[in-house]
Amino acid sequence: MRLLHFSDDPKIVRFVPRPVRTPARRPPGREWLNGPLVWAIDEAHLALYLFPRDCPRILIWPTAMTTREDREFWFAGSAARMIAFVERSRLDELAEASIFRYELPHAEFVDLEDAGMWVSRAAVSPLRVDELTDLPGELRAADVELRLVDSFADIGGVFDCSLHASGIRLRNARAATRF
């Protein structure tokens, strides 16, 4: 299994653990997740990070708990593995951006069993780095359908359905709607 980290910085030679910027409420015994860590994503979930760093996005995919009705409603006949929603105003940014995909050594990481996230308490050096210059093409290659919305309000209820929904950088949404 490949573990990856995405960045707009092409020159990272060592990933050093650092605390999260905004600590989250954690269950008892998991408070350490707000402490200094190196974060990685597994290859199956890399699509979550095939975007410019600050681009707000919501990705959905079916799970074992997904109902037929939710699948039909949200995927609307799409055969894609995932759907990514992005504000229409971000399309040019997405099309023009490039990011860097770092492959990290697996040995130091612990699986959080949450949407492909892994963490290490130790510093790690990347095994390799690749520049990705066609992010819409990378999304297609990952079997992700890109859907543009004027506002995330257009997909209200996405966090209440039986699909898995991951929202990233939603605080940067240009529209007034917040989740």
N, C-alpha and C. Protein backbone atom coordinates (compact mmCIF):
# COMPACT_ATOMS: atom_id res chain seq x y z
N MET A 1 0.84 -1.17 0.00
CA MET A 1 0.00 0.00 0.00
C MET A 1 0.89 1.25 0.00
N ARG A 2 0.48 2.23 -0.79
CA ARG A 2 1.21 3.49 -0.85
C ARG A 2 0.57 4.51 0.07
N LEU A 3 1.41 5.24 0.81
CA LEU A 3 0.95 6.36 1.63
C LEU A 3 1.48 7.64 1.01
N LEU A 4 0.62 8.64 0.95
CA LEU A 4 0.93 9.86 0.20
C LEU A 4 0.66 11.10 1.03
N HIS A 5 1.36 12.15 0.68
CA HIS A 5 1.12 13.48 1.23
C HIS A 5 1.17 14.45 0.06
N PHE A 6 0.24 15.40 0.04
CA PHE A 6 0.16 16.36 -1.06
C PHE A 6 0.51 17.75 -0.54
N SER A 7 1.24 18.50 -1.36
CA SER A 7 1.69 19.83 -0.94
C SER A 7 1.87 20.72 -2.15
N ASP A 8 1.89 22.02 -1.91
CA ASP A 8 2.26 22.95 -2.97
C ASP A 8 3.76 23.26 -2.91
N ASP A 9 4.46 22.66 -1.96
CA ASP A 9 5.90 22.85 -1.78
C ASP A 9 6.65 21.68 -2.44
N PRO A 10 7.48 21.97 -3.45
CA PRO A 10 8.18 20.89 -4.16
C PRO A 10 9.49 20.45 -3.50
N LYS A 11 9.87 21.04 -2.38
CA LYS A 11 11.21 20.81 -1.84
C LYS A 11 11.23 20.26 -0.43
N ILE A 12 10.24 19.51 -0.05
CA ILE A 12 10.22 18.95 1.31
C ILE A 12 11.16 17.75 1.35
N VAL A 13 12.17 17.82 2.20
CA VAL A 13 13.11 16.70 2.32
C VAL A 13 12.86 15.86 3.57
N ARG A 14 12.10 16.44 4.50
CA ARG A 14 11.76 15.72 5.72
C ARG A 14 10.45 16.28 6.26
N PHE A 15 9.51 15.39 6.54
CA PHE A 15 8.24 15.78 7.15
C PHE A 15 8.40 15.67 8.66
N VAL A 16 8.24 16.79 9.34
CA VAL A 16 8.41 16.85 10.79
C VAL A 16 7.02 16.93 11.43
N PRO A 17 6.77 16.14 12.47
CA PRO A 17 5.46 16.20 13.12
C PRO A 17 5.13 17.61 13.61
N ARG A 18 3.88 18.00 13.41
CA ARG A 18 3.41 19.28 13.94
C ARG A 18 1.95 19.13 14.35
N PRO A 19 1.53 19.95 15.34
CA PRO A 19 0.14 19.85 15.79
C PRO A 19 -0.82 20.41 14.75
N VAL A 20 -2.07 19.99 14.81
CA VAL A 20 -3.08 20.53 13.91
C VAL A 20 -3.28 22.01 14.22
N ARG A 21 -3.68 22.78 13.22
CA ARG A 21 -3.88 24.23 13.43
C ARG A 21 -5.09 24.50 14.31
N THR A 22 -6.15 23.76 14.10
CA THR A 22 -7.37 23.93 14.88
C THR A 22 -7.69 22.60 15.54
N PRO A 23 -7.37 22.48 16.83
CA PRO A 23 -7.66 21.21 17.52
C PRO A 23 -9.14 20.85 17.47
N ALA A 24 -9.40 19.57 17.31
CA ALA A 24 -10.77 19.05 17.26
C ALA A 24 -11.08 18.32 18.55
N ARG A 25 -12.37 18.19 18.84
CA ARG A 25 -12.76 17.36 19.98
C ARG A 25 -12.49 15.91 19.61
N ARG A 26 -11.75 15.25 20.46
CA ARG A 26 -11.38 13.85 20.22
C ARG A 26 -11.97 12.98 21.32
N PRO A 27 -12.27 11.73 20.99
CA PRO A 27 -12.76 10.82 22.03
C PRO A 27 -11.66 10.59 23.08
N PRO A 28 -12.06 10.22 24.27
CA PRO A 28 -11.07 9.92 25.31
C PRO A 28 -10.04 8.91 24.80
N GLY A 29 -8.80 9.21 25.08
CA GLY A 29 -7.69 8.35 24.63
C GLY A 29 -7.18 8.69 23.24
N ARG A 30 -7.87 9.58 22.52
CA ARG A 30 -7.44 9.96 21.16
C ARG A 30 -7.04 11.43 21.09
N GLU A 31 -6.88 12.08 22.24
CA GLU A 31 -6.49 13.49 22.27
C GLU A 31 -5.15 13.72 21.57
N TRP A 32 -4.31 12.70 21.55
CA TRP A 32 -3.00 12.81 20.91
C TRP A 32 -3.09 13.16 19.44
N LEU A 33 -4.27 12.97 18.82
CA LEU A 33 -4.43 13.31 17.40
C LEU A 33 -4.36 14.81 17.14
N ASN A 34 -4.44 15.64 18.18
CA ASN A 34 -4.25 17.08 18.03
C ASN A 34 -2.79 17.47 18.22
N GLY A 35 -1.97 16.53 18.63
CA GLY A 35 -0.56 16.81 18.90
C GLY A 35 0.28 16.74 17.63
N PRO A 36 1.60 16.79 17.82
CA PRO A 36 2.50 16.78 16.66
C PRO A 36 2.45 15.45 15.91
N LEU A 37 2.08 15.52 14.63
CA LEU A 37 1.97 14.34 13.78
C LEU A 37 2.35 14.68 12.35
N VAL A 38 2.73 13.68 11.60
CA VAL A 38 2.83 13.75 10.15
C VAL A 38 1.61 13.02 9.62
N TRP A 39 0.87 13.66 8.73
CA TRP A 39 -0.36 13.07 8.19
C TRP A 39 -0.11 12.54 6.78
N ALA A 40 -0.75 11.42 6.48
CA ALA A 40 -0.67 10.82 5.15
C ALA A 40 -2.05 10.28 4.78
N ILE A 41 -2.22 10.02 3.50
CA ILE A 41 -3.47 9.46 3.00
C ILE A 41 -3.13 8.21 2.19
N ASP A 42 -3.97 7.19 2.28
CA ASP A 42 -3.70 6.00 1.48
C ASP A 42 -4.12 6.24 0.04
N GLU A 43 -3.64 5.39 -0.83
CA GLU A 43 -3.87 5.56 -2.26
C GLU A 43 -5.35 5.51 -2.65
N ALA A 44 -6.12 4.72 -1.93
CA ALA A 44 -7.55 4.60 -2.24
C ALA A 44 -8.30 5.90 -2.02
N HIS A 45 -7.77 6.78 -1.18
CA HIS A 45 -8.44 8.04 -0.84
C HIS A 45 -7.67 9.27 -1.32
N LEU A 46 -6.69 9.08 -2.18
CA LEU A 46 -5.87 10.20 -2.63
C LEU A 46 -6.67 11.31 -3.30
N ALA A 47 -7.84 10.99 -3.84
CA ALA A 47 -8.65 11.99 -4.53
C ALA A 47 -9.04 13.15 -3.61
N LEU A 48 -9.06 12.92 -2.31
CA LEU A 48 -9.39 13.99 -1.37
C LEU A 48 -8.41 15.16 -1.48
N TYR A 49 -7.20 14.89 -1.98
CA TYR A 49 -6.15 15.90 -1.98
C TYR A 49 -5.65 16.26 -3.38
N LEU A 50 -6.39 15.90 -4.40
CA LEU A 50 -6.03 16.26 -5.78
C LEU A 50 -6.59 17.64 -6.15
N PHE A 51 -6.37 18.59 -5.27
CA PHE A 51 -6.89 19.95 -5.39
C PHE A 51 -5.83 20.92 -4.88
N PRO A 52 -5.91 22.18 -5.33
CA PRO A 52 -5.06 23.17 -4.68
C PRO A 52 -5.35 23.16 -3.18
N ARG A 53 -4.35 23.38 -2.38
CA ARG A 53 -4.44 23.23 -0.93
C ARG A 53 -5.68 23.88 -0.31
N ASP A 54 -5.95 25.12 -0.64
CA ASP A 54 -7.02 25.85 0.02
C ASP A 54 -8.35 25.78 -0.69
N CYS A 55 -8.45 24.95 -1.71
CA CYS A 55 -9.70 24.82 -2.47
C CYS A 55 -10.74 24.04 -1.65
N PRO A 56 -11.88 24.67 -1.37
CA PRO A 56 -12.92 23.93 -0.65
C PRO A 56 -13.55 22.86 -1.55
N ARG A 57 -13.81 21.70 -0.97
CA ARG A 57 -14.40 20.61 -1.76
C ARG A 57 -15.12 19.65 -0.83
N ILE A 58 -16.07 18.95 -1.44
CA ILE A 58 -16.79 17.88 -0.75
C ILE A 58 -16.73 16.66 -1.66
N LEU A 59 -16.25 15.55 -1.13
CA LEU A 59 -16.22 14.30 -1.88
C LEU A 59 -17.13 13.29 -1.20
N ILE A 60 -17.85 12.55 -2.03
CA ILE A 60 -18.76 11.53 -1.51
C ILE A 60 -18.46 10.19 -2.17
N TRP A 61 -18.73 9.12 -1.44
CA TRP A 61 -18.62 7.78 -2.00
C TRP A 61 -19.49 6.82 -1.19
N PRO A 62 -19.92 5.75 -1.85
CA PRO A 62 -20.77 4.78 -1.15
C PRO A 62 -19.98 3.94 -0.16
N THR A 63 -20.68 3.51 0.88
CA THR A 63 -20.13 2.59 1.86
C THR A 63 -21.07 1.39 1.96
N ALA A 64 -20.75 0.46 2.81
CA ALA A 64 -21.63 -0.70 3.01
C ALA A 64 -22.99 -0.27 3.56
N MET A 65 -23.07 0.91 4.18
CA MET A 65 -24.32 1.40 4.77
C MET A 65 -25.14 2.27 3.82
N THR A 66 -24.63 2.52 2.63
CA THR A 66 -25.32 3.41 1.69
C THR A 66 -26.59 2.77 1.15
N THR A 67 -27.66 3.53 1.18
CA THR A 67 -28.94 3.04 0.65
C THR A 67 -28.97 3.20 -0.87
N ARG A 68 -29.78 2.37 -1.49
CA ARG A 68 -29.95 2.46 -2.95
C ARG A 68 -30.48 3.84 -3.33
N GLU A 69 -31.39 4.36 -2.54
CA GLU A 69 -31.99 5.66 -2.83
C GLU A 69 -30.94 6.78 -2.80
N ASP A 70 -30.07 6.77 -1.80
CA ASP A 70 -29.02 7.80 -1.74
C ASP A 70 -28.04 7.65 -2.89
N ARG A 71 -27.68 6.42 -3.20
CA ARG A 71 -26.76 6.20 -4.33
C ARG A 71 -27.39 6.74 -5.62
N GLU A 72 -28.63 6.41 -5.86
CA GLU A 72 -29.30 6.88 -7.08
C GLU A 72 -29.45 8.39 -7.10
N PHE A 73 -29.78 8.99 -5.97
CA PHE A 73 -29.98 10.44 -5.93
C PHE A 73 -28.67 11.19 -6.13
N TRP A 74 -27.65 10.85 -5.35
CA TRP A 74 -26.41 11.62 -5.38
C TRP A 74 -25.52 11.28 -6.58
N PHE A 75 -25.53 10.04 -7.02
CA PHE A 75 -24.70 9.67 -8.16
C PHE A 75 -25.44 9.82 -9.48
N ALA A 76 -26.75 9.87 -9.45
CA ALA A 76 -27.59 10.15 -10.63
C ALA A 76 -27.08 9.46 -11.89
N GLY A 77 -26.89 8.15 -11.80
CA GLY A 77 -26.48 7.38 -12.96
C GLY A 77 -24.99 7.35 -13.22
N SER A 78 -24.20 8.06 -12.45
CA SER A 78 -22.75 8.06 -12.63
C SER A 78 -22.16 6.72 -12.21
N ALA A 79 -21.20 6.24 -12.97
CA ALA A 79 -20.51 5.01 -12.62
C ALA A 79 -19.21 5.30 -11.88
N ALA A 80 -18.92 6.57 -11.59
CA ALA A 80 -17.68 6.95 -10.91
C ALA A 80 -17.63 6.34 -9.51
N ARG A 81 -16.44 6.16 -9.02
CA ARG A 81 -16.21 5.64 -7.67
C ARG A 81 -16.52 6.69 -6.61
N MET A 82 -16.23 7.95 -6.95
CA MET A 82 -16.47 9.08 -6.06
C MET A 82 -17.00 10.25 -6.88
N ILE A 83 -17.67 11.17 -6.18
CA ILE A 83 -18.09 12.43 -6.77
C ILE A 83 -17.42 13.53 -5.97
N ALA A 84 -16.83 14.50 -6.66
CA ALA A 84 -16.22 15.66 -6.00
C ALA A 84 -16.99 16.91 -6.39
N PHE A 85 -17.46 17.63 -5.39
CA PHE A 85 -18.16 18.89 -5.61
C PHE A 85 -17.21 20.04 -5.32
N VAL A 86 -17.14 20.98 -6.27
CA VAL A 86 -16.29 22.16 -6.14
C VAL A 86 -17.10 23.36 -6.61
N GLU A 87 -16.87 24.49 -5.98
CA GLU A 87 -17.54 25.71 -6.42
C GLU A 87 -17.09 26.06 -7.83
N ARG A 88 -18.05 26.42 -8.66
CA ARG A 88 -17.78 26.78 -10.05
C ARG A 88 -16.70 27.87 -10.15
N SER A 89 -16.70 28.79 -9.21
CA SER A 89 -15.72 29.88 -9.23
C SER A 89 -14.29 29.39 -9.04
N ARG A 90 -14.09 28.15 -8.65
CA ARG A 90 -12.75 27.58 -8.43
C ARG A 90 -12.23 26.78 -9.62
N LEU A 91 -13.02 26.67 -10.68
CA LEU A 91 -12.63 25.81 -11.80
C LEU A 91 -11.31 26.23 -12.43
N ASP A 92 -11.11 27.52 -12.70
CA ASP A 92 -9.86 27.96 -13.31
C ASP A 92 -8.67 27.65 -12.41
N GLU A 93 -8.84 27.89 -11.12
CA GLU A 93 -7.78 27.58 -10.15
C GLU A 93 -7.43 26.10 -10.19
N LEU A 94 -8.45 25.26 -10.23
CA LEU A 94 -8.24 23.81 -10.27
C LEU A 94 -7.53 23.40 -11.56
N ALA A 95 -7.94 24.00 -12.68
CA ALA A 95 -7.37 23.64 -13.98
C ALA A 95 -5.93 24.10 -14.13
N GLU A 96 -5.56 25.18 -13.47
CA GLU A 96 -4.23 25.78 -13.66
C GLU A 96 -3.22 25.38 -12.59
N ALA A 97 -3.67 24.87 -11.49
CA ALA A 97 -2.77 24.57 -10.37
C ALA A 97 -1.95 23.32 -10.62
N SER A 98 -0.80 23.28 -9.98
CA SER A 98 -0.05 22.04 -9.88
C SER A 98 0.26 21.82 -8.41
N ILE A 99 0.34 20.55 -8.03
CA ILE A 99 0.66 20.18 -6.66
C ILE A 99 1.71 19.07 -6.72
N PHE A 100 2.24 18.74 -5.56
CA PHE A 100 3.29 17.74 -5.47
C PHE A 100 2.82 16.60 -4.59
N ARG A 101 2.96 15.39 -5.14
CA ARG A 101 2.55 14.17 -4.44
C ARG A 101 3.81 13.50 -3.91
N TYR A 102 3.89 13.41 -2.59
CA TYR A 102 5.01 12.75 -1.93
C TYR A 102 4.60 11.34 -1.52
N GLU A 103 5.44 10.38 -1.82
CA GLU A 103 5.22 9.02 -1.33
C GLU A 103 6.04 8.86 -0.06
N LEU A 104 5.40 8.33 0.99
CA LEU A 104 6.05 8.22 2.30
C LEU A 104 6.23 6.77 2.70
N PRO A 105 7.26 6.49 3.50
CA PRO A 105 7.48 5.11 3.94
C PRO A 105 6.37 4.67 4.89
N HIS A 106 5.89 3.50 4.70
CA HIS A 106 4.74 2.96 5.42
C HIS A 106 5.06 2.63 6.88
N ALA A 107 6.28 2.23 7.19
CA ALA A 107 6.62 1.64 8.49
C ALA A 107 6.31 2.52 9.69
N GLU A 108 6.45 3.81 9.59
CA GLU A 108 6.27 4.71 10.74
C GLU A 108 4.81 5.08 11.00
N PHE A 109 3.89 4.71 10.13
CA PHE A 109 2.53 5.23 10.19
C PHE A 109 1.55 4.26 10.84
N VAL A 110 0.52 4.84 11.45
CA VAL A 110 -0.58 4.10 12.08
C VAL A 110 -1.86 4.46 11.34
N ASP A 111 -2.65 3.47 11.01
CA ASP A 111 -3.92 3.66 10.32
C ASP A 111 -4.97 4.16 11.31
N LEU A 112 -5.60 5.31 11.00
CA LEU A 112 -6.65 5.83 11.86
C LEU A 112 -8.00 5.19 11.56
N GLU A 113 -8.05 4.35 10.52
CA GLU A 113 -9.29 3.69 10.11
C GLU A 113 -10.41 4.70 9.92
N ASP A 114 -10.05 5.81 9.26
CA ASP A 114 -10.99 6.90 8.99
C ASP A 114 -10.65 7.53 7.65
N ALA A 115 -11.37 7.15 6.62
CA ALA A 115 -11.23 7.74 5.27
C ALA A 115 -9.79 7.76 4.78
N GLY A 116 -9.05 6.70 5.06
CA GLY A 116 -7.71 6.55 4.51
C GLY A 116 -6.62 7.34 5.18
N MET A 117 -6.90 7.93 6.36
CA MET A 117 -5.89 8.75 7.03
C MET A 117 -4.96 7.91 7.89
N TRP A 118 -3.68 8.24 7.79
CA TRP A 118 -2.62 7.60 8.55
C TRP A 118 -1.79 8.70 9.21
N VAL A 119 -1.18 8.39 10.37
CA VAL A 119 -0.35 9.37 11.05
C VAL A 119 0.93 8.73 11.56
N SER A 120 1.95 9.59 11.68
CA SER A 120 3.22 9.18 12.27
C SER A 120 3.61 10.20 13.32
N ARG A 121 4.10 9.72 14.45
CA ARG A 121 4.61 10.62 15.49
C ARG A 121 6.08 10.94 15.26
N ALA A 122 6.69 10.26 14.30
CA ALA A 122 8.11 10.47 14.00
C ALA A 122 8.27 11.22 12.68
N ALA A 123 9.35 11.92 12.55
CA ALA A 123 9.67 12.58 11.28
C ALA A 123 9.95 11.51 10.23
N VAL A 124 9.60 11.80 8.99
CA VAL A 124 9.83 10.86 7.91
C VAL A 124 10.37 11.59 6.68
N SER A 125 11.18 10.90 5.92
CA SER A 125 11.70 11.44 4.66
C SER A 125 10.93 10.78 3.52
N PRO A 126 10.55 11.58 2.53
CA PRO A 126 9.78 11.00 1.42
C PRO A 126 10.62 10.04 0.59
N LEU A 127 9.96 9.06 0.00
CA LEU A 127 10.61 8.12 -0.90
C LEU A 127 10.75 8.72 -2.30
N ARG A 128 9.78 9.55 -2.68
CA ARG A 128 9.79 10.19 -3.99
C ARG A 128 8.79 11.33 -3.99
N VAL A 129 8.91 12.20 -5.00
CA VAL A 129 7.96 13.29 -5.19
C VAL A 129 7.65 13.40 -6.67
N ASP A 130 6.39 13.64 -6.99
CA ASP A 130 5.95 13.81 -8.37
C ASP A 130 5.13 15.08 -8.46
N GLU A 131 5.35 15.86 -9.51
CA GLU A 131 4.53 17.03 -9.75
C GLU A 131 3.30 16.61 -10.55
N LEU A 132 2.14 17.06 -10.10
CA LEU A 132 0.88 16.79 -10.79
C LEU A 132 0.41 18.10 -11.39
N THR A 133 0.32 18.15 -12.71
CA THR A 133 0.01 19.41 -13.40
C THR A 133 -1.37 19.44 -14.04
N ASP A 134 -2.06 18.33 -14.05
CA ASP A 134 -3.41 18.25 -14.63
C ASP A 134 -4.35 17.65 -13.59
N LEU A 135 -4.78 18.48 -12.65
CA LEU A 135 -5.59 17.96 -11.54
C LEU A 135 -6.94 17.41 -12.00
N PRO A 136 -7.64 18.05 -12.94
CA PRO A 136 -8.87 17.41 -13.43
C PRO A 136 -8.59 16.03 -14.06
N GLY A 137 -7.48 15.90 -14.76
CA GLY A 137 -7.10 14.61 -15.34
C GLY A 137 -6.76 13.60 -14.26
N GLU A 138 -6.11 14.04 -13.20
CA GLU A 138 -5.79 13.14 -12.08
C GLU A 138 -7.06 12.65 -11.41
N LEU A 139 -8.04 13.55 -11.27
CA LEU A 139 -9.33 13.14 -10.70
C LEU A 139 -10.00 12.08 -11.57
N ARG A 140 -10.00 12.30 -12.89
CA ARG A 140 -10.59 11.31 -13.80
C ARG A 140 -9.86 9.98 -13.68
N ALA A 141 -8.54 10.02 -13.60
CA ALA A 141 -7.75 8.79 -13.50
C ALA A 141 -8.05 8.05 -12.19
N ALA A 142 -8.46 8.79 -11.16
CA ALA A 142 -8.81 8.18 -9.88
C ALA A 142 -10.28 7.77 -9.84
N ASP A 143 -10.96 7.85 -10.99
CA ASP A 143 -12.38 7.47 -11.12
C ASP A 143 -13.28 8.36 -10.26
N VAL A 144 -12.99 9.68 -10.32
CA VAL A 144 -13.76 10.66 -9.59
C VAL A 144 -14.43 11.59 -10.59
N GLU A 145 -15.74 11.74 -10.46
CA GLU A 145 -16.47 12.67 -11.30
C GLU A 145 -16.48 14.04 -10.63
N LEU A 146 -16.07 15.07 -11.34
CA LEU A 146 -16.06 16.43 -10.83
C LEU A 146 -17.38 17.09 -11.17
N ARG A 147 -18.05 17.62 -10.14
CA ARG A 147 -19.30 18.35 -10.34
C ARG A 147 -19.15 19.75 -9.78
N LEU A 148 -19.51 20.73 -10.59
CA LEU A 148 -19.42 22.12 -10.19
C LEU A 148 -20.75 22.59 -9.62
N VAL A 149 -20.67 23.34 -8.54
CA VAL A 149 -21.85 23.94 -7.92
C VAL A 149 -21.60 25.43 -7.76
N ASP A 150 -22.66 26.22 -7.85
CA ASP A 150 -22.50 27.65 -7.60
C ASP A 150 -22.20 27.90 -6.13
N SER A 151 -22.78 27.08 -5.28
CA SER A 151 -22.62 27.19 -3.83
C SER A 151 -22.79 25.80 -3.25
N PHE A 152 -22.14 25.55 -2.13
CA PHE A 152 -22.34 24.27 -1.47
C PHE A 152 -23.76 24.14 -0.93
N ALA A 153 -24.49 25.24 -0.85
CA ALA A 153 -25.91 25.18 -0.48
C ALA A 153 -26.69 24.36 -1.51
N ASP A 154 -26.17 24.30 -2.75
CA ASP A 154 -26.82 23.52 -3.81
C ASP A 154 -26.86 22.03 -3.49
N ILE A 155 -26.01 21.58 -2.58
CA ILE A 155 -25.97 20.15 -2.23
C ILE A 155 -26.28 19.97 -0.75
N GLY A 156 -27.15 20.82 -0.24
CA GLY A 156 -27.59 20.69 1.15
C GLY A 156 -28.07 19.28 1.42
N GLY A 157 -27.78 18.78 2.58
CA GLY A 157 -28.18 17.42 2.95
C GLY A 157 -27.13 16.37 2.67
N VAL A 158 -26.05 16.74 2.00
CA VAL A 158 -25.03 15.75 1.65
C VAL A 158 -24.41 15.11 2.89
N PHE A 159 -24.31 15.86 3.98
CA PHE A 159 -23.72 15.31 5.20
C PHE A 159 -24.73 14.51 6.03
N ASP A 160 -25.98 14.51 5.59
CA ASP A 160 -27.02 13.77 6.30
C ASP A 160 -27.45 12.49 5.57
N CYS A 161 -26.83 12.20 4.44
CA CYS A 161 -27.22 11.01 3.68
C CYS A 161 -26.37 9.82 4.11
N SER A 162 -26.63 8.66 3.52
CA SER A 162 -25.94 7.43 3.92
C SER A 162 -24.62 7.21 3.19
N LEU A 163 -24.24 8.12 2.29
CA LEU A 163 -22.92 8.06 1.67
C LEU A 163 -21.88 8.62 2.63
N HIS A 164 -20.62 8.27 2.43
CA HIS A 164 -19.57 8.95 3.18
C HIS A 164 -19.37 10.31 2.52
N ALA A 165 -19.32 11.36 3.30
CA ALA A 165 -19.08 12.71 2.77
C ALA A 165 -17.92 13.33 3.54
N SER A 166 -16.90 13.76 2.81
CA SER A 166 -15.75 14.43 3.41
C SER A 166 -15.68 15.85 2.87
N GLY A 167 -15.73 16.81 3.76
CA GLY A 167 -15.58 18.21 3.38
C GLY A 167 -14.22 18.71 3.82
N ILE A 168 -13.50 19.33 2.90
CA ILE A 168 -12.15 19.81 3.19
C ILE A 168 -12.08 21.28 2.81
N ARG A 169 -11.51 22.06 3.72
CA ARG A 169 -11.30 23.51 3.54
C ARG A 169 -12.61 24.27 3.29
N LEU A 170 -13.69 23.79 3.87
CA LEU A 170 -14.99 24.44 3.66
C LEU A 170 -15.01 25.86 4.21
N ARG A 171 -14.14 26.16 5.15
CA ARG A 171 -14.07 27.53 5.67
C ARG A 171 -13.66 28.52 4.58
N ASN A 172 -13.09 28.01 3.49
CA ASN A 172 -12.67 28.87 2.38
C ASN A 172 -13.72 29.03 1.29
N ALA A 173 -14.90 28.46 1.51
CA ALA A 173 -15.95 28.56 0.49
C ALA A 173 -16.28 30.02 0.25
N ARG A 174 -16.43 30.36 -1.02
CA ARG A 174 -16.72 31.75 -1.38
C ARG A 174 -18.17 32.12 -1.12
N ALA A 175 -19.05 31.15 -1.20
CA ALA A 175 -20.46 31.42 -0.93
C ALA A 175 -20.69 31.49 0.58
N ALA A 176 -21.78 32.07 0.97
CA ALA A 176 -22.06 32.29 2.39
C ALA A 176 -22.39 31.02 3.16
N THR A 177 -22.79 29.95 2.49
CA THR A 177 -23.21 28.73 3.17
C THR A 177 -22.04 28.08 3.89
N ARG A 178 -22.25 27.72 5.11
CA ARG A 178 -21.24 27.02 5.92
C ARG A 178 -21.90 25.77 6.50
N PHE A 179 -21.10 24.73 6.68
CA PHE A 179 -21.60 23.49 7.25
C PHE A 179 -21.18 23.39 8.69
